Amino acid sequence: MIWDILDRFPNVISFTFGAILNNNNAVVSPHHHFHLSTINLIGSPYYQITTSHFLVAIAKAVSDSHFPSLHDIRVWERKVKIDQAQIDLFASLGLTLEFTTRFHSRILKVRKIFFVPLLLH
């Protein structure tokens, strides 16, 4: 479970993970993460419903004071589907929820690499 991995890093500031399907509901463990300020959720085109499950679990964790420093949640998808109800829910919790096609992280950077063929005579 993704939350078990998060629990192994109690001082993490930014957490990035992919929304993958599993047999368990997205349940957040009872551990508090006092330094976690940003979550980047990478959506999957194959498991679109799991993104919503993880967002519900994150909102519950914030409501239960498990993530007191959290202020940004970004959902990165190839094709953005903005869910205004979820944006409003997170705003009511004092959080910013952003749906984007561009991946943002303070730690990880995505770079496009272009290969130029070398022609030898």
PDB file of N, CA and C in Angstrom:
ATOM      1  N   MET A   1       0.841  -1.192   0.000  1.00  0.00           N
ATOM      2  CA  MET A   1       0.000   0.000   0.000  1.00  0.00           C
ATOM      3  C   MET A   1       0.880   1.247   0.000  1.00  0.00           C
ATOM      4  N   ILE A   2       0.485   2.236  -0.739  1.00  0.00           N
ATOM      5  CA  ILE A   2       1.299   3.435  -0.893  1.00  0.00           C
ATOM      6  C   ILE A   2       1.510   4.162   0.431  1.00  0.00           C
ATOM      7  N   TRP A   3       0.539   4.101   1.325  1.00  0.00           N
ATOM      8  CA  TRP A   3       0.663   4.800   2.605  1.00  0.00           C
ATOM      9  C   TRP A   3       1.695   4.132   3.501  1.00  0.00           C
ATOM     10  N   ASP A   4       1.896   2.833   3.348  1.00  0.00           N
ATOM     11  CA  ASP A   4       2.945   2.137   4.087  1.00  0.00           C
ATOM     12  C   ASP A   4       4.318   2.664   3.672  1.00  0.00           C
ATOM     13  N   ILE A   5       4.476   2.946   2.401  1.00  0.00           N
ATOM     14  CA  ILE A   5       5.738   3.515   1.916  1.00  0.00           C
ATOM     15  C   ILE A   5       5.936   4.904   2.493  1.00  0.00           C
ATOM     16  N   LEU A   6       4.905   5.723   2.488  1.00  0.00           N
ATOM     17  CA  LEU A   6       4.987   7.069   3.053  1.00  0.00           C
ATOM     18  C   LEU A   6       5.380   7.011   4.521  1.00  0.00           C
ATOM     19  N   ASP A   7       4.849   6.046   5.256  1.00  0.00           N
ATOM     20  CA  ASP A   7       5.152   5.930   6.682  1.00  0.00           C
ATOM     21  C   ASP A   7       6.622   5.610   6.956  1.00  0.00           C
ATOM     22  N   ARG A   8       7.315   5.100   5.975  1.00  0.00           N
ATOM     23  CA  ARG A   8       8.748   4.799   6.146  1.00  0.00           C
ATOM     24  C   ARG A   8       9.614   6.056   6.044  1.00  0.00           C
ATOM     25  N   PHE A   9       9.007   7.150   5.623  1.00  0.00           N
ATOM     26  CA  PHE A   9       9.723   8.416   5.473  1.00  0.00           C
ATOM     27  C   PHE A   9       8.968   9.519   6.226  1.00  0.00           C
ATOM     28  N   PRO A  10       9.076   9.530   7.556  1.00  0.00           N
ATOM     29  CA  PRO A  10       8.259  10.454   8.359  1.00  0.00           C
ATOM     30  C   PRO A  10       8.585  11.932   8.163  1.00  0.00           C
ATOM     31  N   ASN A  11       9.745  12.272   7.614  1.00  0.00           N
ATOM     32  CA  ASN A  11      10.122  13.672   7.445  1.00  0.00           C
ATOM     33  C   ASN A  11      10.028  14.166   6.012  1.00  0.00           C
ATOM     34  N   VAL A  12       9.385  13.388   5.155  1.00  0.00           N
ATOM     35  CA  VAL A  12       9.282  13.759   3.746  1.00  0.00           C
ATOM     36  C   VAL A  12       8.473  15.058   3.605  1.00  0.00           C
ATOM     37  N   ILE A  13       8.897  15.888   2.660  1.00  0.00           N
ATOM     38  CA  ILE A  13       8.233  17.172   2.415  1.00  0.00           C
ATOM     39  C   ILE A  13       7.312  17.079   1.206  1.00  0.00           C
ATOM     40  N   SER A  14       7.786  16.391   0.163  1.00  0.00           N
ATOM     41  CA  SER A  14       7.017  16.244  -1.063  1.00  0.00           C
ATOM     42  C   SER A  14       6.947  14.763  -1.406  1.00  0.00           C
ATOM     43  N   PHE A  15       5.743  14.290  -1.720  1.00  0.00           N
ATOM     44  CA  PHE A  15       5.539  12.865  -1.979  1.00  0.00           C
ATOM     45  C   PHE A  15       4.873  12.707  -3.331  1.00  0.00           C
ATOM     46  N   THR A  16       5.472  11.907  -4.209  1.00  0.00           N
ATOM     47  CA  THR A  16       4.955  11.671  -5.547  1.00  0.00           C
ATOM     48  C   THR A  16       4.695  10.188  -5.717  1.00  0.00           C
ATOM     49  N   PHE A  17       3.498   9.848  -6.183  1.00  0.00           N
ATOM     50  CA  PHE A  17       3.187   8.442  -6.420  1.00  0.00           C
ATOM     51  C   PHE A  17       2.154   8.309  -7.519  1.00  0.00           C
ATOM     52  N   GLY A  18       2.095   7.127  -8.082  1.00  0.00           N
ATOM     53  CA  GLY A  18       1.150   6.835  -9.151  1.00  0.00           C
ATOM     54  C   GLY A  18      -0.109   6.187  -8.610  1.00  0.00           C
ATOM     55  N   ALA A  19      -1.231   6.575  -9.161  1.00  0.00           N
ATOM     56  CA  ALA A  19      -2.520   5.990  -8.776  1.00  0.00           C
ATOM     57  C   ALA A  19      -2.662   4.657  -9.488  1.00  0.00           C
ATOM     58  N   ILE A  20      -2.494   3.599  -8.739  1.00  0.00           N
ATOM     59  CA  ILE A  20      -2.612   2.265  -9.315  1.00  0.00           C
ATOM     60  C   ILE A  20      -3.739   1.511  -8.638  1.00  0.00           C
ATOM     61  N   LEU A  21      -4.313   0.607  -9.368  1.00  0.00           N
ATOM     62  CA  LEU A  21      -5.429  -0.192  -8.870  1.00  0.00           C
ATOM     63  C   LEU A  21      -4.909  -1.281  -7.945  1.00  0.00           C
ATOM     64  N   ASN A  22      -5.592  -1.463  -6.818  1.00  0.00           N
ATOM     65  CA  ASN A  22      -5.315  -2.614  -5.974  1.00  0.00           C
ATOM     66  C   ASN A  22      -6.625  -3.059  -5.344  1.00  0.00           C
ATOM     67  N   ASN A  23      -6.602  -4.138  -4.625  1.00  0.00           N
ATOM     68  CA  ASN A  23      -7.831  -4.707  -4.076  1.00  0.00           C
ATOM     69  C   ASN A  23      -8.323  -4.004  -2.824  1.00  0.00           C
ATOM     70  N   ASN A  24      -7.476  -3.192  -2.203  1.00  0.00           N
ATOM     71  CA  ASN A  24      -7.871  -2.478  -0.989  1.00  0.00           C
ATOM     72  C   ASN A  24      -8.296  -1.063  -1.334  1.00  0.00           C
ATOM     73  N   ASN A  25      -9.161  -0.517  -0.511  1.00  0.00           N
ATOM     74  CA  ASN A  25      -9.502   0.887  -0.677  1.00  0.00           C
ATOM     75  C   ASN A  25      -8.307   1.735  -0.286  1.00  0.00           C
ATOM     76  N   ALA A  26      -8.231   2.937  -0.792  1.00  0.00           N
ATOM     77  CA  ALA A  26      -7.136   3.842  -0.456  1.00  0.00           C
ATOM     78  C   ALA A  26      -7.348   4.353   0.963  1.00  0.00           C
ATOM     79  N   VAL A  27      -6.752   3.675   1.917  1.00  0.00           N
ATOM     80  CA  VAL A  27      -6.908   4.031   3.318  1.00  0.00           C
ATOM     81  C   VAL A  27      -5.591   4.587   3.825  1.00  0.00           C
ATOM     82  N   VAL A  28      -5.650   5.724   4.479  1.00  0.00           N
ATOM     83  CA  VAL A  28      -4.458   6.347   5.023  1.00  0.00           C
ATOM     84  C   VAL A  28      -4.217   5.794   6.412  1.00  0.00           C
ATOM     85  N   SER A  29      -2.964   5.456   6.679  1.00  0.00           N
ATOM     86  CA  SER A  29      -2.598   4.947   7.999  1.00  0.00           C
ATOM     87  C   SER A  29      -2.723   6.053   9.042  1.00  0.00           C
ATOM     88  N   PRO A  30      -2.766   5.694  10.311  1.00  0.00           N
ATOM     89  CA  PRO A  30      -2.958   6.698  11.362  1.00  0.00           C
ATOM     90  C   PRO A  30      -1.722   7.521  11.696  1.00  0.00           C
ATOM     91  N   HIS A  31      -0.627   7.349  10.957  1.00  0.00           N
ATOM     92  CA  HIS A  31       0.580   8.112  11.248  1.00  0.00           C
ATOM     93  C   HIS A  31       0.426   9.558  10.797  1.00  0.00           C
ATOM     94  N   HIS A  32       1.009  10.441  11.571  1.00  0.00           N
ATOM     95  CA  HIS A  32       0.991  11.862  11.224  1.00  0.00           C
ATOM     96  C   HIS A  32       2.263  12.204  10.463  1.00  0.00           C
ATOM     97  N   HIS A  33       2.119  13.038   9.464  1.00  0.00           N
ATOM     98  CA  HIS A  33       3.257  13.485   8.673  1.00  0.00           C
ATOM     99  C   HIS A  33       3.292  15.009   8.765  1.00  0.00           C
ATOM    100  N   PHE A  34       4.078  15.478   9.732  1.00  0.00           N
ATOM    101  CA  PHE A  34       4.081  16.897  10.068  1.00  0.00           C
ATOM    102  C   PHE A  34       4.768  17.772   9.026  1.00  0.00           C
ATOM    103  N   HIS A  35       5.639  17.208   8.196  1.00  0.00           N
ATOM    104  CA  HIS A  35       6.403  17.997   7.236  1.00  0.00           C
ATOM    105  C   HIS A  35       5.873  17.913   5.814  1.00  0.00           C
ATOM    106  N   LEU A  36       4.985  17.001   5.550  1.00  0.00           N
ATOM    107  CA  LEU A  36       4.484  16.792   4.190  1.00  0.00           C
ATOM    108  C   LEU A  36       3.681  18.015   3.734  1.00  0.00           C
ATOM    109  N   SER A  37       4.190  18.682   2.680  1.00  0.00           N
ATOM    110  CA  SER A  37       3.514  19.893   2.218  1.00  0.00           C
ATOM    111  C   SER A  37       2.918  19.751   0.820  1.00  0.00           C
ATOM    112  N   THR A  38       3.447  18.795   0.024  1.00  0.00           N
ATOM    113  CA  THR A  38       2.984  18.641  -1.349  1.00  0.00           C
ATOM    114  C   THR A  38       2.823  17.170  -1.693  1.00  0.00           C
ATOM    115  N   ILE A  39       1.706  16.848  -2.328  1.00  0.00           N
ATOM    116  CA  ILE A  39       1.496  15.510  -2.870  1.00  0.00           C
ATOM    117  C   ILE A  39       1.274  15.649  -4.370  1.00  0.00           C
ATOM    118  N   ASN A  40       2.059  14.892  -5.137  1.00  0.00           N
ATOM    119  CA  ASN A  40       1.886  14.814  -6.581  1.00  0.00           C
ATOM    120  C   ASN A  40       1.337  13.434  -6.888  1.00  0.00           C
ATOM    121  N   LEU A  41       0.147  13.391  -7.393  1.00  0.00           N
ATOM    122  CA  LEU A  41      -0.514  12.129  -7.726  1.00  0.00           C
ATOM    123  C   LEU A  41      -0.509  11.966  -9.237  1.00  0.00           C
ATOM    124  N   ILE A  42       0.156  10.929  -9.705  1.00  0.00           N
ATOM    125  CA  ILE A  42       0.241  10.691 -11.141  1.00  0.00           C
ATOM    126  C   ILE A  42      -0.888   9.741 -11.530  1.00  0.00           C
ATOM    127  N   GLY A  43      -1.856  10.266 -12.248  1.00  0.00           N
ATOM    128  CA  GLY A  43      -3.015   9.484 -12.655  1.00  0.00           C
ATOM    129  C   GLY A  43      -2.673   8.490 -13.744  1.00  0.00           C
ATOM    130  N   SER A  44      -3.423   7.431 -13.796  1.00  0.00           N
ATOM    131  CA  SER A  44      -3.228   6.407 -14.815  1.00  0.00           C
ATOM    132  C   SER A  44      -4.428   6.407 -15.757  1.00  0.00           C
ATOM    133  N   PRO A  45      -4.179   6.377 -17.061  1.00  0.00           N
ATOM    134  CA  PRO A  45      -5.313   6.319 -17.991  1.00  0.00           C
ATOM    135  C   PRO A  45      -6.064   4.998 -17.878  1.00  0.00           C
ATOM    136  N   TYR A  46      -5.431   3.971 -17.322  1.00  0.00           N
ATOM    137  CA  TYR A  46      -6.060   2.660 -17.196  1.00  0.00           C
ATOM    138  C   TYR A  46      -6.878   2.522 -15.917  1.00  0.00           C
ATOM    139  N   TYR A  47      -6.536   3.306 -14.896  1.00  0.00           N
ATOM    140  CA  TYR A  47      -7.210   3.198 -13.597  1.00  0.00           C
ATOM    141  C   TYR A  47      -7.695   4.573 -13.145  1.00  0.00           C
ATOM    142  N   GLN A  48      -8.515   5.207 -13.941  1.00  0.00           N
ATOM    143  CA  GLN A  48      -8.941   6.573 -13.658  1.00  0.00           C
ATOM    144  C   GLN A  48      -9.706   6.699 -12.353  1.00  0.00           C
ATOM    145  N   ILE A  49     -10.450   5.698 -11.958  1.00  0.00           N
ATOM    146  CA  ILE A  49     -11.240   5.778 -10.735  1.00  0.00           C
ATOM    147  C   ILE A  49     -10.359   5.813  -9.494  1.00  0.00           C
ATOM    148  N   THR A  50      -9.160   5.241  -9.569  1.00  0.00           N
ATOM    149  CA  THR A  50      -8.298   5.223  -8.388  1.00  0.00           C
ATOM    150  C   THR A  50      -7.819   6.623  -8.009  1.00  0.00           C
ATOM    151  N   THR A  51      -7.702   7.521  -8.964  1.00  0.00           N
ATOM    152  CA  THR A  51      -7.330   8.897  -8.644  1.00  0.00           C
ATOM    153  C   THR A  51      -8.345   9.488  -7.679  1.00  0.00           C
ATOM    154  N   SER A  52      -9.621   9.298  -7.941  1.00  0.00           N
ATOM    155  CA  SER A  52     -10.671   9.804  -7.047  1.00  0.00           C
ATOM    156  C   SER A  52     -10.592   9.157  -5.676  1.00  0.00           C
ATOM    157  N   HIS A  53     -10.322   7.851  -5.632  1.00  0.00           N
ATOM    158  CA  HIS A  53     -10.195   7.168  -4.342  1.00  0.00           C
ATOM    159  C   HIS A  53      -9.060   7.754  -3.517  1.00  0.00           C
ATOM    160  N   PHE A  54      -7.919   8.008  -4.150  1.00  0.00           N
ATOM    161  CA  PHE A  54      -6.791   8.578  -3.418  1.00  0.00           C
ATOM    162  C   PHE A  54      -7.089  10.003  -2.978  1.00  0.00           C
ATOM    163  N   LEU A  55      -7.779  10.780  -3.794  1.00  0.00           N
ATOM    164  CA  LEU A  55      -8.119  12.146  -3.389  1.00  0.00           C
ATOM    165  C   LEU A  55      -9.064  12.144  -2.191  1.00  0.00           C
ATOM    166  N   VAL A  56     -10.010  11.227  -2.165  1.00  0.00           N
ATOM    167  CA  VAL A  56     -10.907  11.106  -1.006  1.00  0.00           C
ATOM    168  C   VAL A  56     -10.102  10.736   0.243  1.00  0.00           C
ATOM    169  N   ALA A  57      -9.153   9.808   0.093  1.00  0.00           N
ATOM    170  CA  ALA A  57      -8.327   9.386   1.226  1.00  0.00           C
ATOM    171  C   ALA A  57      -7.458  10.535   1.725  1.00  0.00           C
ATOM    172  N   ILE A  58      -6.918  11.333   0.820  1.00  0.00           N
ATOM    173  CA  ILE A  58      -6.103  12.481   1.216  1.00  0.00           C
ATOM    174  C   ILE A  58      -6.958  13.508   1.945  1.00  0.00           C
ATOM    175  N   ALA A  59      -8.144  13.797   1.428  1.00  0.00           N
ATOM    176  CA  ALA A  59      -9.049  14.750   2.096  1.00  0.00           C
ATOM    177  C   ALA A  59      -9.393  14.270   3.500  1.00  0.00           C
ATOM    178  N   LYS A  60      -9.644  12.983   3.668  1.00  0.00           N
ATOM    179  CA  LYS A  60      -9.947  12.429   4.995  1.00  0.00           C
ATOM    180  C   LYS A  60      -8.742  12.568   5.925  1.00  0.00           C
ATOM    181  N   ALA A  61      -7.548  12.291   5.404  1.00  0.00           N
ATOM    182  CA  ALA A  61      -6.339  12.417   6.218  1.00  0.00           C
ATOM    183  C   ALA A  61      -6.138  13.850   6.689  1.00  0.00           C
ATOM    184  N   VAL A  62      -6.423  14.813   5.818  1.00  0.00           N
ATOM    185  CA  VAL A  62      -6.313  16.221   6.200  1.00  0.00           C
ATOM    186  C   VAL A  62      -7.362  16.551   7.249  1.00  0.00           C
ATOM    187  N   SER A  63      -8.590  16.088   7.056  1.00  0.00           N
ATOM    188  CA  SER A  63      -9.663  16.323   8.038  1.00  0.00           C
ATOM    189  C   SER A  63      -9.324  15.718   9.396  1.00  0.00           C
ATOM    190  N   ASP A  64      -8.622  14.581   9.380  1.00  0.00           N
ATOM    191  CA  ASP A  64      -8.235  13.901  10.616  1.00  0.00           C
ATOM    192  C   ASP A  64      -6.904  14.402  11.164  1.00  0.00           C
ATOM    193  N   SER A  65      -6.368  15.479  10.589  1.00  0.00           N
ATOM    194  CA  SER A  65      -5.117  16.122  11.031  1.00  0.00           C
ATOM    195  C   SER A  65      -3.884  15.247  10.873  1.00  0.00           C
ATOM    196  N   HIS A  66      -3.891  14.339   9.910  1.00  0.00           N
ATOM    197  CA  HIS A  66      -2.716  13.505   9.655  1.00  0.00           C
ATOM    198  C   HIS A  66      -1.653  14.241   8.847  1.00  0.00           C
ATOM    199  N   PHE A  67      -2.069  15.222   8.048  1.00  0.00           N
ATOM    200  CA  PHE A  67      -1.147  15.976   7.207  1.00  0.00           C
ATOM    201  C   PHE A  67      -1.292  17.474   7.521  1.00  0.00           C
ATOM    202  N   PRO A  68      -0.834  17.933   8.678  1.00  0.00           N
ATOM    203  CA  PRO A  68      -1.078  19.326   9.076  1.00  0.00           C
ATOM    204  C   PRO A  68      -0.368  20.373   8.226  1.00  0.00           C
ATOM    205  N   SER A  69       0.722  20.016   7.551  1.00  0.00           N
ATOM    206  CA  SER A  69       1.463  20.988   6.740  1.00  0.00           C
ATOM    207  C   SER A  69       1.113  20.926   5.260  1.00  0.00           C
ATOM    208  N   LEU A  70       0.253  20.024   4.894  1.00  0.00           N
ATOM    209  CA  LEU A  70      -0.093  19.851   3.482  1.00  0.00           C
ATOM    210  C   LEU A  70      -0.828  21.077   2.964  1.00  0.00           C
ATOM    211  N   HIS A  71      -0.387  21.576   1.809  1.00  0.00           N
ATOM    212  CA  HIS A  71      -1.095  22.713   1.216  1.00  0.00           C
ATOM    213  C   HIS A  71      -1.323  22.564  -0.284  1.00  0.00           C
ATOM    214  N   ASP A  72      -0.581  21.674  -0.969  1.00  0.00           N
ATOM    215  CA  ASP A  72      -0.746  21.509  -2.415  1.00  0.00           C
ATOM    216  C   ASP A  72      -0.901  20.044  -2.781  1.00  0.00           C
ATOM    217  N   ILE A  73      -1.899  19.772  -3.607  1.00  0.00           N
ATOM    218  CA  ILE A  73      -2.072  18.451  -4.202  1.00  0.00           C
ATOM    219  C   ILE A  73      -2.178  18.677  -5.701  1.00  0.00           C
ATOM    220  N   ARG A  74      -1.319  17.998  -6.438  1.00  0.00           N
ATOM    221  CA  ARG A  74      -1.363  18.107  -7.895  1.00  0.00           C
ATOM    222  C   ARG A  74      -1.667  16.742  -8.481  1.00  0.00           C
ATOM    223  N   VAL A  75      -2.610  16.718  -9.379  1.00  0.00           N
ATOM    224  CA  VAL A  75      -2.959  15.495 -10.096  1.00  0.00           C
ATOM    225  C   VAL A  75      -2.450  15.668 -11.517  1.00  0.00           C
ATOM    226  N   TRP A  76      -1.493  14.850 -11.872  1.00  0.00           N
ATOM    227  CA  TRP A  76      -0.884  14.904 -13.188  1.00  0.00           C
ATOM    228  C   TRP A  76      -1.456  13.784 -14.039  1.00  0.00           C
ATOM    229  N   GLU A  77      -2.049  14.181 -15.156  1.00  0.00           N
ATOM    230  CA  GLU A  77      -2.651  13.214 -16.072  1.00  0.00           C
ATOM    231  C   GLU A  77      -2.328  13.615 -17.498  1.00  0.00           C
ATOM    232  N   ARG A  78      -2.373  12.642 -18.379  1.00  0.00           N
ATOM    233  CA  ARG A  78      -2.124  12.943 -19.792  1.00  0.00           C
ATOM    234  C   ARG A  78      -3.236  13.786 -20.382  1.00  0.00           C
ATOM    235  N   LYS A  79      -4.450  13.520 -19.971  1.00  0.00           N
ATOM    236  CA  LYS A  79      -5.608  14.279 -20.430  1.00  0.00           C
ATOM    237  C   LYS A  79      -6.351  14.726 -19.178  1.00  0.00           C
ATOM    238  N   VAL A  80      -6.346  16.004 -18.943  1.00  0.00           N
ATOM    239  CA  VAL A  80      -6.890  16.545 -17.701  1.00  0.00           C
ATOM    240  C   VAL A  80      -8.410  16.469 -17.675  1.00  0.00           C
ATOM    241  N   LYS A  81      -8.924  15.960 -16.576  1.00  0.00           N
ATOM    242  CA  LYS A  81     -10.361  15.961 -16.304  1.00  0.00           C
ATOM    243  C   LYS A  81     -10.551  16.705 -14.987  1.00  0.00           C
ATOM    244  N   ILE A  82     -10.930  17.953 -15.072  1.00  0.00           N
ATOM    245  CA  ILE A  82     -11.061  18.787 -13.876  1.00  0.00           C
ATOM    246  C   ILE A  82     -12.350  18.433 -13.150  1.00  0.00           C
ATOM    247  N   ASP A  83     -12.206  18.157 -11.863  1.00  0.00           N
ATOM    248  CA  ASP A  83     -13.345  17.825 -11.012  1.00  0.00           C
ATOM    249  C   ASP A  83     -13.565  18.996 -10.055  1.00  0.00           C
ATOM    250  N   GLN A  84     -14.480  19.895 -10.415  1.00  0.00           N
ATOM    251  CA  GLN A  84     -14.697  21.109  -9.633  1.00  0.00           C
ATOM    252  C   GLN A  84     -15.170  20.802  -8.213  1.00  0.00           C
ATOM    253  N   ALA A  85     -15.952  19.748  -8.035  1.00  0.00           N
ATOM    254  CA  ALA A  85     -16.421  19.384  -6.688  1.00  0.00           C
ATOM    255  C   ALA A  85     -15.240  19.036  -5.791  1.00  0.00           C
ATOM    256  N   GLN A  86     -14.256  18.310  -6.317  1.00  0.00           N
ATOM    257  CA  GLN A  86     -13.079  17.980  -5.512  1.00  0.00           C
ATOM    258  C   GLN A  86     -12.230  19.221  -5.248  1.00  0.00           C
ATOM    259  N   ILE A  87     -12.096  20.089  -6.230  1.00  0.00           N
ATOM    260  CA  ILE A  87     -11.355  21.340  -6.023  1.00  0.00           C
ATOM    261  C   ILE A  87     -12.000  22.143  -4.905  1.00  0.00           C
ATOM    262  N   ASP A  88     -13.329  22.238  -4.912  1.00  0.00           N
ATOM    263  CA  ASP A  88     -14.051  22.970  -3.869  1.00  0.00           C
ATOM    264  C   ASP A  88     -13.889  22.317  -2.504  1.00  0.00           C
ATOM    265  N   LEU A  89     -13.916  20.972  -2.454  1.00  0.00           N
ATOM    266  CA  LEU A  89     -13.725  20.261  -1.193  1.00  0.00           C
ATOM    267  C   LEU A  89     -12.354  20.567  -0.607  1.00  0.00           C
ATOM    268  N   PHE A  90     -11.309  20.493  -1.424  1.00  0.00           N
ATOM    269  CA  PHE A  90      -9.964  20.773  -0.931  1.00  0.00           C
ATOM    270  C   PHE A  90      -9.812  22.239  -0.543  1.00  0.00           C
ATOM    271  N   ALA A  91     -10.446  23.140  -1.279  1.00  0.00           N
ATOM    272  CA  ALA A  91     -10.401  24.559  -0.922  1.00  0.00           C
ATOM    273  C   ALA A  91     -11.040  24.788   0.444  1.00  0.00           C
ATOM    274  N   SER A  92     -12.116  24.067   0.746  1.00  0.00           N
ATOM    275  CA  SER A  92     -12.765  24.209   2.059  1.00  0.00           C
ATOM    276  C   SER A  92     -11.871  23.691   3.182  1.00  0.00           C
ATOM    277  N   LEU A  93     -10.911  22.842   2.840  1.00  0.00           N
ATOM    278  CA  LEU A  93      -9.940  22.329   3.815  1.00  0.00           C
ATOM    279  C   LEU A  93      -8.678  23.196   3.862  1.00  0.00           C
ATOM    280  N   GLY A  94      -8.654  24.276   3.069  1.00  0.00           N
ATOM    281  CA  GLY A  94      -7.505  25.170   3.036  1.00  0.00           C
ATOM    282  C   GLY A  94      -6.376  24.680   2.149  1.00  0.00           C
ATOM    283  N   LEU A  95      -6.701  23.821   1.174  1.00  0.00           N
ATOM    284  CA  LEU A  95      -5.699  23.226   0.298  1.00  0.00           C
ATOM    285  C   LEU A  95      -5.935  23.621  -1.152  1.00  0.00           C
ATOM    286  N   THR A  96      -4.876  23.573  -1.927  1.00  0.00           N
ATOM    287  CA  THR A  96      -4.965  23.811  -3.357  1.00  0.00           C
ATOM    288  C   THR A  96      -4.906  22.467  -4.066  1.00  0.00           C
ATOM    289  N   LEU A  97      -5.905  22.179  -4.857  1.00  0.00           N
ATOM    290  CA  LEU A  97      -5.933  20.977  -5.689  1.00  0.00           C
ATOM    291  C   LEU A  97      -5.845  21.428  -7.132  1.00  0.00           C
ATOM    292  N   GLU A  98      -4.832  20.931  -7.824  1.00  0.00           N
ATOM    293  CA  GLU A  98      -4.595  21.325  -9.207  1.00  0.00           C
ATOM    294  C   GLU A  98      -4.578  20.090 -10.090  1.00  0.00           C
ATOM    295  N   PHE A  99      -5.303  20.151 -11.188  1.00  0.00           N
ATOM    296  CA  PHE A  99      -5.271  19.111 -12.209  1.00  0.00           C
ATOM    297  C   PHE A  99      -4.442  19.667 -13.361  1.00  0.00           C
ATOM    298  N   THR A 100      -3.433  18.926 -13.776  1.00  0.00           N
ATOM    299  CA  THR A 100      -2.520  19.448 -14.777  1.00  0.00           C
ATOM    300  C   THR A 100      -2.001  18.346 -15.699  1.00  0.00           C
ATOM    301  N   THR A 101      -1.521  18.757 -16.864  1.00  0.00           N
ATOM    302  CA  THR A 101      -0.860  17.820 -17.770  1.00  0.00           C
ATOM    303  C   THR A 101       0.649  17.966 -17.665  1.00  0.00           C
ATOM    304  N   ARG A 102       1.106  18.897 -16.835  1.00  0.00           N
ATOM    305  CA  ARG A 102       2.543  19.101 -16.625  1.00  0.00           C
ATOM    306  C   ARG A 102       2.912  18.655 -15.229  1.00  0.00           C
ATOM    307  N   PHE A 103       3.930  17.844 -15.117  1.00  0.00           N
ATOM    308  CA  PHE A 103       4.377  17.327 -13.834  1.00  0.00           C
ATOM    309  C   PHE A 103       5.216  18.386 -13.121  1.00  0.00           C
ATOM    310  N   HIS A 104       4.899  18.662 -11.834  1.00  0.00           N
ATOM    311  CA  HIS A 104       5.629  19.636 -11.028  1.00  0.00           C
ATOM    312  C   HIS A 104       6.105  18.968  -9.750  1.00  0.00           C
ATOM    313  N   SER A 105       7.335  19.174  -9.404  1.00  0.00           N
ATOM    314  CA  SER A 105       7.866  18.699  -8.139  1.00  0.00           C
ATOM    315  C   SER A 105       9.069  19.558  -7.793  1.00  0.00           C
ATOM    316  N   ARG A 106       9.220  19.859  -6.509  1.00  0.00           N
ATOM    317  CA  ARG A 106      10.389  20.610  -6.090  1.00  0.00           C
ATOM    318  C   ARG A 106      11.652  19.765  -6.197  1.00  0.00           C
ATOM    319  N   ILE A 107      11.507  18.462  -6.124  1.00  0.00           N
ATOM    320  CA  ILE A 107      12.655  17.570  -6.088  1.00  0.00           C
ATOM    321  C   ILE A 107      12.896  16.920  -7.448  1.00  0.00           C
ATOM    322  N   LEU A 108      11.849  16.324  -8.014  1.00  0.00           N
ATOM    323  CA  LEU A 108      11.987  15.629  -9.295  1.00  0.00           C
ATOM    324  C   LEU A 108      11.722  16.593 -10.436  1.00  0.00           C
ATOM    325  N   LYS A 109      12.541  16.522 -11.442  1.00  0.00           N
ATOM    326  CA  LYS A 109      12.350  17.349 -12.624  1.00  0.00           C
ATOM    327  C   LYS A 109      12.206  16.448 -13.837  1.00  0.00           C
ATOM    328  N   VAL A 110      11.246  16.757 -14.674  1.00  0.00           N
ATOM    329  CA  VAL A 110      11.046  16.009 -15.903  1.00  0.00           C
ATOM    330  C   VAL A 110      11.659  16.827 -17.030  1.00  0.00           C
ATOM    331  N   ARG A 111      12.535  16.209 -17.767  1.00  0.00           N
ATOM    332  CA  ARG A 111      13.193  16.899 -18.866  1.00  0.00           C
ATOM    333  C   ARG A 111      12.932  16.141 -20.157  1.00  0.00           C
ATOM    334  N   LYS A 112      12.649  16.885 -21.194  1.00  0.00           N
ATOM    335  CA  LYS A 112      12.510  16.274 -22.512  1.00  0.00           C
ATOM    336  C   LYS A 112      13.907  16.115 -23.096  1.00  0.00           C
ATOM    337  N   ILE A 113      14.153  14.967 -23.638  1.00  0.00           N
ATOM    338  CA  ILE A 113      15.448  14.698 -24.246  1.00  0.00           C
ATOM    339  C   ILE A 113      15.234  14.466 -25.729  1.00  0.00           C
ATOM    340  N   PHE A 114      15.980  15.168 -26.519  1.00  0.00           N
ATOM    341  CA  PHE A 114      15.905  15.023 -27.963  1.00  0.00           C
ATOM    342  C   PHE A 114      17.197  14.384 -28.454  1.00  0.00           C
ATOM    343  N   PHE A 115      17.065  13.369 -29.268  1.00  0.00           N
ATOM    344  CA  PHE A 115      18.227  12.715 -29.841  1.00  0.00           C
ATOM    345  C   PHE A 115      18.416  13.214 -31.267  1.00  0.00           C
ATOM    346  N   VAL A 116      19.609  13.650 -31.538  1.00  0.00           N
ATOM    347  CA  VAL A 116      19.931  14.117 -32.866  1.00  0.00           C
ATOM    348  C   VAL A 116      20.857  13.085 -33.496  1.00  0.00           C
ATOM    349  N   PRO A 117      20.477  12.521 -34.613  1.00  0.00           N
ATOM    350  CA  PRO A 117      21.334  11.513 -35.237  1.00  0.00           C
ATOM    351  C   PRO A 117      22.644  12.144 -35.722  1.00  0.00           C
ATOM    352  N   LEU A 118      23.692  11.436 -35.500  1.00  0.00           N
ATOM    353  CA  LEU A 118      25.001  11.890 -35.937  1.00  0.00           C
ATOM    354  C   LEU A 118      25.320  11.206 -37.268  1.00  0.00           C
ATOM    355  N   LEU A 119      25.552  12.001 -38.262  1.00  0.00           N
ATOM    356  CA  LEU A 119      25.865  11.460 -39.583  1.00  0.00           C
ATOM    357  C   LEU A 119      27.371  11.461 -39.781  1.00  0.00           C
ATOM    358  N   LEU A 120      27.899  10.303 -40.056  1.00  0.00           N
ATOM    359  CA  LEU A 120      29.321  10.186 -40.314  1.00  0.00           C
ATOM    360  C   LEU A 120      29.537   9.924 -41.804  1.00  0.00           C
ATOM    361  N   HIS A 121      30.524  10.550 -42.350  1.00  0.00           N
ATOM    362  CA  HIS A 121      30.824  10.339 -43.780  1.00  0.00           C
ATOM    363  C   HIS A 121      31.837   9.273 -43.949  1.00  0.00           C
TER     364      HIS A 121
END
